[in-house]
Amino acid sequence: MEVFKEAGLPDGVINMIIGDPEMITDTVLASPDF
């Protein structure tokens, strides 16, 4: 992430989320925009 930011990747293009895998996956897969 440090490299991507220094390389000029615009904010929000890659968002790094860490935590409970099942909760994250269930939340992501519930989105109509997935």
All heavy atoms as atom14 arrays in JSON, in Angstrom:
{
  "sequence": "MEVFKEAGLPDGVINMIIGDPEMITDTVLASPDF",
  "atom14_mask": [
    [1, 1, 1, 1, 1, 1, 1, 1, 0, 0, 0, 0, 0, 0],
    [1, 1, 1, 1, 1, 1, 1, 1, 1, 0, 0, 0, 0, 0],
    [1, 1, 1, 1, 1, 1, 1, 0, 0, 0, 0, 0, 0, 0],
    [1, 1, 1, 1, 1, 1, 1, 1, 1, 1, 1, 0, 0, 0],
    [1, 1, 1, 1, 1, 1, 1, 1, 1, 0, 0, 0, 0, 0],
    [1, 1, 1, 1, 1, 1, 1, 1, 1, 0, 0, 0, 0, 0],
    [1, 1, 1, 1, 1, 0, 0, 0, 0, 0, 0, 0, 0, 0],
    [1, 1, 1, 1, 0, 0, 0, 0, 0, 0, 0, 0, 0, 0],
    [1, 1, 1, 1, 1, 1, 1, 1, 0, 0, 0, 0, 0, 0],
    [1, 1, 1, 1, 1, 1, 1, 0, 0, 0, 0, 0, 0, 0],
    [1, 1, 1, 1, 1, 1, 1, 1, 0, 0, 0, 0, 0, 0],
    [1, 1, 1, 1, 0, 0, 0, 0, 0, 0, 0, 0, 0, 0],
    [1, 1, 1, 1, 1, 1, 1, 0, 0, 0, 0, 0, 0, 0],
    [1, 1, 1, 1, 1, 1, 1, 1, 0, 0, 0, 0, 0, 0],
    [1, 1, 1, 1, 1, 1, 1, 1, 0, 0, 0, 0, 0, 0],
    [1, 1, 1, 1, 1, 1, 1, 1, 0, 0, 0, 0, 0, 0],
    [1, 1, 1, 1, 1, 1, 1, 1, 0, 0, 0, 0, 0, 0],
    [1, 1, 1, 1, 1, 1, 1, 1, 0, 0, 0, 0, 0, 0],
    [1, 1, 1, 1, 0, 0, 0, 0, 0, 0, 0, 0, 0, 0],
    [1, 1, 1, 1, 1, 1, 1, 1, 0, 0, 0, 0, 0, 0],
    [1, 1, 1, 1, 1, 1, 1, 0, 0, 0, 0, 0, 0, 0],
    [1, 1, 1, 1, 1, 1, 1, 1, 1, 0, 0, 0, 0, 0],
    [1, 1, 1, 1, 1, 1, 1, 1, 0, 0, 0, 0, 0, 0],
    [1, 1, 1, 1, 1, 1, 1, 1, 0, 0, 0, 0, 0, 0],
    [1, 1, 1, 1, 1, 1, 1, 0, 0, 0, 0, 0, 0, 0],
    [1, 1, 1, 1, 1, 1, 1, 1, 0, 0, 0, 0, 0, 0],
    [1, 1, 1, 1, 1, 1, 1, 0, 0, 0, 0, 0, 0, 0],
    [1, 1, 1, 1, 1, 1, 1, 0, 0, 0, 0, 0, 0, 0],
    [1, 1, 1, 1, 1, 1, 1, 1, 0, 0, 0, 0, 0, 0],
    [1, 1, 1, 1, 1, 0, 0, 0, 0, 0, 0, 0, 0, 0],
    [1, 1, 1, 1, 1, 1, 0, 0, 0, 0, 0, 0, 0, 0],
    [1, 1, 1, 1, 1, 1, 1, 0, 0, 0, 0, 0, 0, 0],
    [1, 1, 1, 1, 1, 1, 1, 1, 0, 0, 0, 0, 0, 0],
    [1, 1, 1, 1, 1, 1, 1, 1, 1, 1, 1, 0, 0, 0]
  ],
  "atom14_positions": [
    [[0.83, -1.21, 0.0], [0.0, 0.0, 0.0], [0.86, 1.25, 0.0], [0.53, 2.25, -0.67], [-0.95, -0.01, 1.2], [-2.12, -0.96, 1.06], [-3.16, -0.71, -0.41], [-3.8, 0.95, -0.14], [0.0, 0.0, 0.0], [0.0, 0.0, 0.0], [0.0, 0.0, 0.0], [0.0, 0.0, 0.0], [0.0, 0.0, 0.0], [0.0, 0.0, 0.0]],
    [[1.96, 1.24, 0.71], [2.88, 2.39, 0.7], [3.37, 2.65, -0.73], [3.43, 3.8, -1.18], [4.07, 2.13, 1.62], [3.74, 2.12, 3.1], [4.96, 1.78, 3.95], [6.08, 1.8, 3.41], [4.77, 1.5, 5.15], [0.0, 0.0, 0.0], [0.0, 0.0, 0.0], [0.0, 0.0, 0.0], [0.0, 0.0, 0.0], [0.0, 0.0, 0.0]],
    [[3.73, 1.58, -1.42], [4.22, 1.71, -2.8], [3.13, 2.25, -3.71], [3.37, 3.19, -4.51], [4.73, 0.35, -3.32], [4.99, 0.4, -4.83], [5.99, -0.07, -2.58], [0.0, 0.0, 0.0], [0.0, 0.0, 0.0], [0.0, 0.0, 0.0], [0.0, 0.0, 0.0], [0.0, 0.0, 0.0], [0.0, 0.0, 0.0], [0.0, 0.0, 0.0]],
    [[1.92, 1.69, -3.64], [0.84, 2.15, -4.5], [0.54, 3.63, -4.28], [0.31, 4.39, -5.23], [-0.42, 1.32, -4.26], [-0.37, -0.07, -4.86], [-1.29, -1.04, -4.46], [0.56, -0.41, -5.82], [-1.26, -2.32, -5.0], [0.61, -1.69, -6.37], [-0.31, -2.64, -5.95], [0.0, 0.0, 0.0], [0.0, 0.0, 0.0], [0.0, 0.0, 0.0]],
    [[0.56, 4.05, -3.03], [0.27, 5.45, -2.73], [1.38, 6.35, -3.29], [1.1, 7.39, -3.89], [0.1, 5.66, -1.23], [-1.18, 5.04, -0.67], [-1.31, 5.21, 0.83], [-1.77, 6.61, 1.2], [-3.17, 6.85, 0.8], [0.0, 0.0, 0.0], [0.0, 0.0, 0.0], [0.0, 0.0, 0.0], [0.0, 0.0, 0.0], [0.0, 0.0, 0.0]],
    [[2.64, 5.94, -3.11], [3.73, 6.76, -3.63], [3.75, 6.77, -5.15], [4.17, 7.74, -5.78], [5.08, 6.26, -3.09], [6.23, 7.17, -3.49], [7.52, 6.9, -2.74], [7.46, 6.39, -1.6], [8.59, 7.21, -3.3], [0.0, 0.0, 0.0], [0.0, 0.0, 0.0], [0.0, 0.0, 0.0], [0.0, 0.0, 0.0], [0.0, 0.0, 0.0]],
    [[3.27, 5.69, -5.75], [3.22, 5.62, -7.21], [2.12, 6.5, -7.8], [2.04, 6.66, -9.02], [3.01, 4.18, -7.65], [0.0, 0.0, 0.0], [0.0, 0.0, 0.0], [0.0, 0.0, 0.0], [0.0, 0.0, 0.0], [0.0, 0.0, 0.0], [0.0, 0.0, 0.0], [0.0, 0.0, 0.0], [0.0, 0.0, 0.0], [0.0, 0.0, 0.0]],
    [[1.25, 7.05, -6.94], [0.21, 7.95, -7.42], [-1.12, 7.3, -7.67], [-1.97, 7.88, -8.37], [0.0, 0.0, 0.0], [0.0, 0.0, 0.0], [0.0, 0.0, 0.0], [0.0, 0.0, 0.0], [0.0, 0.0, 0.0], [0.0, 0.0, 0.0], [0.0, 0.0, 0.0], [0.0, 0.0, 0.0], [0.0, 0.0, 0.0], [0.0, 0.0, 0.0]],
    [[-1.36, 6.11, -7.12], [-2.67, 5.48, -7.28], [-3.71, 6.35, -6.59], [-3.59, 6.65, -5.39], [-2.66, 4.09, -6.67], [-3.96, 3.27, -6.85], [-4.14, 2.87, -8.31], [-3.95, 2.04, -5.95], [0.0, 0.0, 0.0], [0.0, 0.0, 0.0], [0.0, 0.0, 0.0], [0.0, 0.0, 0.0], [0.0, 0.0, 0.0], [0.0, 0.0, 0.0]],
    [[-4.73, 6.8, -7.29], [-5.72, 7.68, -6.67], [-6.43, 7.01, -5.49], [-6.64, 5.8, -5.47], [-6.71, 7.96, -7.81], [-5.91, 7.76, -9.06], [-4.97, 6.64, -8.74], [0.0, 0.0, 0.0], [0.0, 0.0, 0.0], [0.0, 0.0, 0.0], [0.0, 0.0, 0.0], [0.0, 0.0, 0.0], [0.0, 0.0, 0.0], [0.0, 0.0, 0.0]],
    [[-6.79, 7.82, -4.52], [-7.48, 7.33, -3.33], [-8.76, 6.6, -3.73], [-9.5, 7.05, -4.59], [-7.83, 8.49, -2.4], [-6.6, 9.16, -1.82], [-5.56, 8.49, -1.66], [-6.66, 10.38, -1.54], [0.0, 0.0, 0.0], [0.0, 0.0, 0.0], [0.0, 0.0, 0.0], [0.0, 0.0, 0.0], [0.0, 0.0, 0.0], [0.0, 0.0, 0.0]],
    [[-8.99, 5.47, -3.08], [-10.23, 4.73, -3.28], [-10.2, 3.7, -4.38], [-11.13, 2.88, -4.48], [0.0, 0.0, 0.0], [0.0, 0.0, 0.0], [0.0, 0.0, 0.0], [0.0, 0.0, 0.0], [0.0, 0.0, 0.0], [0.0, 0.0, 0.0], [0.0, 0.0, 0.0], [0.0, 0.0, 0.0], [0.0, 0.0, 0.0], [0.0, 0.0, 0.0]],
    [[-9.15, 3.68, -5.21], [-9.08, 2.69, -6.28], [-8.83, 1.3, -5.71], [-9.47, 0.32, -6.1], [-8.0, 3.07, -7.32], [-7.82, 1.94, -8.34], [-8.38, 4.36, -8.02], [0.0, 0.0, 0.0], [0.0, 0.0, 0.0], [0.0, 0.0, 0.0], [0.0, 0.0, 0.0], [0.0, 0.0, 0.0], [0.0, 0.0, 0.0], [0.0, 0.0, 0.0]],
    [[-7.9, 1.2, -4.75], [-7.68, -0.05, -4.02], [-7.81, 0.27, -2.54], [-7.06, 1.09, -2.0], [-6.3, -0.66, -4.31], [-6.21, -1.1, -5.78], [-6.03, -1.85, -3.39], [-4.84, -1.63, -6.19], [0.0, 0.0, 0.0], [0.0, 0.0, 0.0], [0.0, 0.0, 0.0], [0.0, 0.0, 0.0], [0.0, 0.0, 0.0], [0.0, 0.0, 0.0]],
    [[-8.77, -0.35, -1.89], [-9.03, -0.14, -0.47], [-8.67, -1.41, 0.29], [-9.15, -2.49, -0.07], [-10.5, 0.21, -0.24], [-10.93, 1.42, -1.05], [-10.78, 2.56, -0.62], [-11.45, 1.17, -2.25], [0.0, 0.0, 0.0], [0.0, 0.0, 0.0], [0.0, 0.0, 0.0], [0.0, 0.0, 0.0], [0.0, 0.0, 0.0], [0.0, 0.0, 0.0]],
    [[-7.82, -1.29, 1.31], [-7.36, -2.46, 2.04], [-8.15, -2.61, 3.34], [-8.14, -1.72, 4.2], [-5.87, -2.36, 2.35], [-5.29, -3.65, 2.93], [-3.49, -3.6, 3.17], [-3.39, -2.77, 4.77], [0.0, 0.0, 0.0], [0.0, 0.0, 0.0], [0.0, 0.0, 0.0], [0.0, 0.0, 0.0], [0.0, 0.0, 0.0], [0.0, 0.0, 0.0]],
    [[-8.85, -3.75, 3.46], [-9.69, -4.04, 4.61], [-9.19, -5.32, 5.28], [-8.94, -6.33, 4.62], [-11.16, -4.23, 4.17], [-11.72, -2.91, 3.63], [-12.01, -4.73, 5.32], [-11.87, -1.84, 4.67], [0.0, 0.0, 0.0], [0.0, 0.0, 0.0], [0.0, 0.0, 0.0], [0.0, 0.0, 0.0], [0.0, 0.0, 0.0], [0.0, 0.0, 0.0]],
    [[-9.04, -5.28, 6.59], [-8.54, -6.41, 7.36], [-9.55, -6.72, 8.45], [-10.16, -5.82, 9.0], [-7.19, -6.07, 8.01], [-6.27, -5.31, 7.05], [-6.49, -7.32, 8.52], [-5.37, -4.32, 7.72], [0.0, 0.0, 0.0], [0.0, 0.0, 0.0], [0.0, 0.0, 0.0], [0.0, 0.0, 0.0], [0.0, 0.0, 0.0], [0.0, 0.0, 0.0]],
    [[-9.71, -8.0, 8.77], [-10.62, -8.35, 9.86], [-11.2, -9.73, 9.68], [-10.62, -10.58, 8.97], [0.0, 0.0, 0.0], [0.0, 0.0, 0.0], [0.0, 0.0, 0.0], [0.0, 0.0, 0.0], [0.0, 0.0, 0.0], [0.0, 0.0, 0.0], [0.0, 0.0, 0.0], [0.0, 0.0, 0.0], [0.0, 0.0, 0.0], [0.0, 0.0, 0.0]],
    [[-12.33, -9.96, 10.29], [-12.98, -11.27, 10.23], [-13.32, -11.62, 8.78], [-14.12, -10.94, 8.14], [-14.25, -11.26, 11.08], [-14.99, -12.57, 10.98], [-14.46, -13.59, 11.41], [-16.12, -12.57, 10.45], [0.0, 0.0, 0.0], [0.0, 0.0, 0.0], [0.0, 0.0, 0.0], [0.0, 0.0, 0.0], [0.0, 0.0, 0.0], [0.0, 0.0, 0.0]],
    [[-12.73, -12.68, 8.23], [-12.93, -12.98, 6.81], [-14.38, -13.24, 6.44], [-14.85, -12.78, 5.38], [-12.08, -14.24, 6.59], [-11.11, -14.26, 7.71], [-11.8, -13.63, 8.87], [0.0, 0.0, 0.0], [0.0, 0.0, 0.0], [0.0, 0.0, 0.0], [0.0, 0.0, 0.0], [0.0, 0.0, 0.0], [0.0, 0.0, 0.0], [0.0, 0.0, 0.0]],
    [[-15.11, -13.94, 7.28], [-16.49, -14.27, 6.95], [-17.36, -13.03, 6.95], [-18.2, -12.83, 6.06], [-17.04, -15.31, 7.93], [-18.4, -15.85, 7.51], [-18.83, -17.05, 8.33], [-18.08, -17.46, 9.25], [-19.92, -17.59, 8.05], [0.0, 0.0, 0.0], [0.0, 0.0, 0.0], [0.0, 0.0, 0.0], [0.0, 0.0, 0.0], [0.0, 0.0, 0.0]],
    [[-17.16, -12.15, 7.93], [-17.95, -10.91, 7.98], [-17.65, -10.04, 6.76], [-18.57, -9.51, 6.12], [-17.62, -10.15, 9.26], [-18.38, -8.82, 9.41], [-17.61, -7.4, 8.56], [-16.11, -7.2, 9.54], [0.0, 0.0, 0.0], [0.0, 0.0, 0.0], [0.0, 0.0, 0.0], [0.0, 0.0, 0.0], [0.0, 0.0, 0.0], [0.0, 0.0, 0.0]],
    [[-16.38, -9.9, 6.43], [-16.0, -9.06, 5.28], [-16.6, -9.63, 4.0], [-17.21, -8.91, 3.19], [-14.47, -8.95, 5.18], [-13.91, -8.19, 6.38], [-14.07, -8.25, 3.88], [-12.39, -8.16, 6.45], [0.0, 0.0, 0.0], [0.0, 0.0, 0.0], [0.0, 0.0, 0.0], [0.0, 0.0, 0.0], [0.0, 0.0, 0.0], [0.0, 0.0, 0.0]],
    [[-16.45, -10.95, 3.82], [-16.95, -11.57, 2.6], [-18.47, -11.47, 2.5], [-19.01, -11.13, 1.44], [-16.5, -13.04, 2.54], [-15.06, -13.08, 2.44], [-17.1, -13.76, 1.34], [0.0, 0.0, 0.0], [0.0, 0.0, 0.0], [0.0, 0.0, 0.0], [0.0, 0.0, 0.0], [0.0, 0.0, 0.0], [0.0, 0.0, 0.0], [0.0, 0.0, 0.0]],
    [[-19.17, -11.74, 3.58], [-20.63, -11.65, 3.55], [-21.1, -10.23, 3.23], [-22.07, -10.04, 2.48], [-21.21, -12.1, 4.89], [-21.12, -13.6, 5.1], [-20.84, -14.32, 4.11], [-21.33, -14.06, 6.24], [0.0, 0.0, 0.0], [0.0, 0.0, 0.0], [0.0, 0.0, 0.0], [0.0, 0.0, 0.0], [0.0, 0.0, 0.0], [0.0, 0.0, 0.0]],
    [[-20.42, -9.24, 3.78], [-20.79, -7.84, 3.52], [-20.55, -7.49, 2.06], [-21.38, -6.85, 1.41], [-19.99, -6.9, 4.44], [-20.18, -7.29, 5.8], [-20.45, -5.46, 4.26], [0.0, 0.0, 0.0], [0.0, 0.0, 0.0], [0.0, 0.0, 0.0], [0.0, 0.0, 0.0], [0.0, 0.0, 0.0], [0.0, 0.0, 0.0], [0.0, 0.0, 0.0]],
    [[-19.4, -7.91, 1.55], [-19.07, -7.63, 0.14], [-20.07, -8.3, -0.8], [-20.6, -7.68, -1.73], [-17.63, -8.1, -0.17], [-17.4, -8.16, -1.68], [-16.61, -7.17, 0.47], [0.0, 0.0, 0.0], [0.0, 0.0, 0.0], [0.0, 0.0, 0.0], [0.0, 0.0, 0.0], [0.0, 0.0, 0.0], [0.0, 0.0, 0.0], [0.0, 0.0, 0.0]],
    [[-20.34, -9.59, -0.55], [-21.2, -10.34, -1.48], [-22.65, -9.94, -1.38], [-23.45, -10.28, -2.26], [-21.05, -11.84, -1.22], [-19.65, -12.43, -1.42], [-19.68, -13.95, -1.26], [-19.07, -12.06, -2.77], [0.0, 0.0, 0.0], [0.0, 0.0, 0.0], [0.0, 0.0, 0.0], [0.0, 0.0, 0.0], [0.0, 0.0, 0.0], [0.0, 0.0, 0.0]],
    [[-23.02, -9.19, -0.35], [-24.39, -8.7, -0.23], [-24.61, -7.44, -1.06], [-25.77, -7.03, -1.27], [-24.71, -8.41, 1.24], [0.0, 0.0, 0.0], [0.0, 0.0, 0.0], [0.0, 0.0, 0.0], [0.0, 0.0, 0.0], [0.0, 0.0, 0.0], [0.0, 0.0, 0.0], [0.0, 0.0, 0.0], [0.0, 0.0, 0.0], [0.0, 0.0, 0.0]],
    [[-23.54, -6.81, -1.55], [-23.69, -5.56, -2.3], [-24.18, -5.82, -3.72], [-23.61, -6.66, -4.43], [-22.35, -4.83, -2.36], [-22.42, -3.74, -3.25], [0.0, 0.0, 0.0], [0.0, 0.0, 0.0], [0.0, 0.0, 0.0], [0.0, 0.0, 0.0], [0.0, 0.0, 0.0], [0.0, 0.0, 0.0], [0.0, 0.0, 0.0], [0.0, 0.0, 0.0]],
    [[-25.18, -5.1, -4.18], [-25.63, -5.23, -5.57], [-24.55, -4.87, -6.58], [-24.62, -5.27, -7.74], [-26.82, -4.26, -5.66], [-27.23, -4.03, -4.25], [-26.0, -4.13, -3.43], [0.0, 0.0, 0.0], [0.0, 0.0, 0.0], [0.0, 0.0, 0.0], [0.0, 0.0, 0.0], [0.0, 0.0, 0.0], [0.0, 0.0, 0.0], [0.0, 0.0, 0.0]],
    [[-23.55, -4.09, -6.14], [-22.49, -3.62, -7.03], [-21.3, -4.56, -7.1], [-20.32, -4.26, -7.78], [-22.03, -2.23, -6.6], [-23.11, -1.18, -6.8], [-23.45, -0.9, -7.95], [-23.63, -0.66, -5.78], [0.0, 0.0, 0.0], [0.0, 0.0, 0.0], [0.0, 0.0, 0.0], [0.0, 0.0, 0.0], [0.0, 0.0, 0.0], [0.0, 0.0, 0.0]],
    [[-21.37, -5.69, -6.39], [-20.3, -6.68, -6.48], [-20.22, -7.19, -7.92], [-21.2, -7.69, -8.47], [-20.59, -7.83, -5.52], [-19.69, -9.03, -5.72], [-18.35, -8.97, -5.4], [-20.22, -10.22, -6.22], [-17.53, -10.08, -5.59], [-19.41, -11.32, -6.4], [-18.07, -11.26, -6.09], [0.0, 0.0, 0.0], [0.0, 0.0, 0.0], [0.0, 0.0, 0.0]]
  ]
}
